[in-house]
């Protein structure tokens, strides 16, 4: 059984893995596409256009947030906070709600010590066959 097959089996059977994070298996390819790791966001320049990818571990749409949606993406180095504007959510709702792994293009912001990516484009990440349940709150 390959590492990727074992990872899929772990998630299918237990909903988690004791092995490497799924994103670690794709990191080399993602790096060639300019996709940063979560920990790289901590040292990147405020206002810089960035591209990040990860496993969606939470989706939140608080009633008090005026239609904004907040995502938490996890990769092998940590988490990335994503802010999705209401118009982007309306346009790409199906991708944002259904895809377990996302690639997000946006602008890095650091406000009150919290680093986030203000999403401008969201797409599903192809080639990851892991089924798991994110913590979704709509």
Foldseek 3Di string as FASTA:
>chain_A
DDPLVVQQVCCVVPVGDPDAWPQVVCVVVCVVVQADAQVVLVPDDAFDKHKHKAFWQEWAQDPPPQQKIWTWGAHRPGIAIEIEDNVQCVVCVCQVPPARMKMFIAGWHADPNDIHGHGDDMGHDPDRPHDHDHHYYD
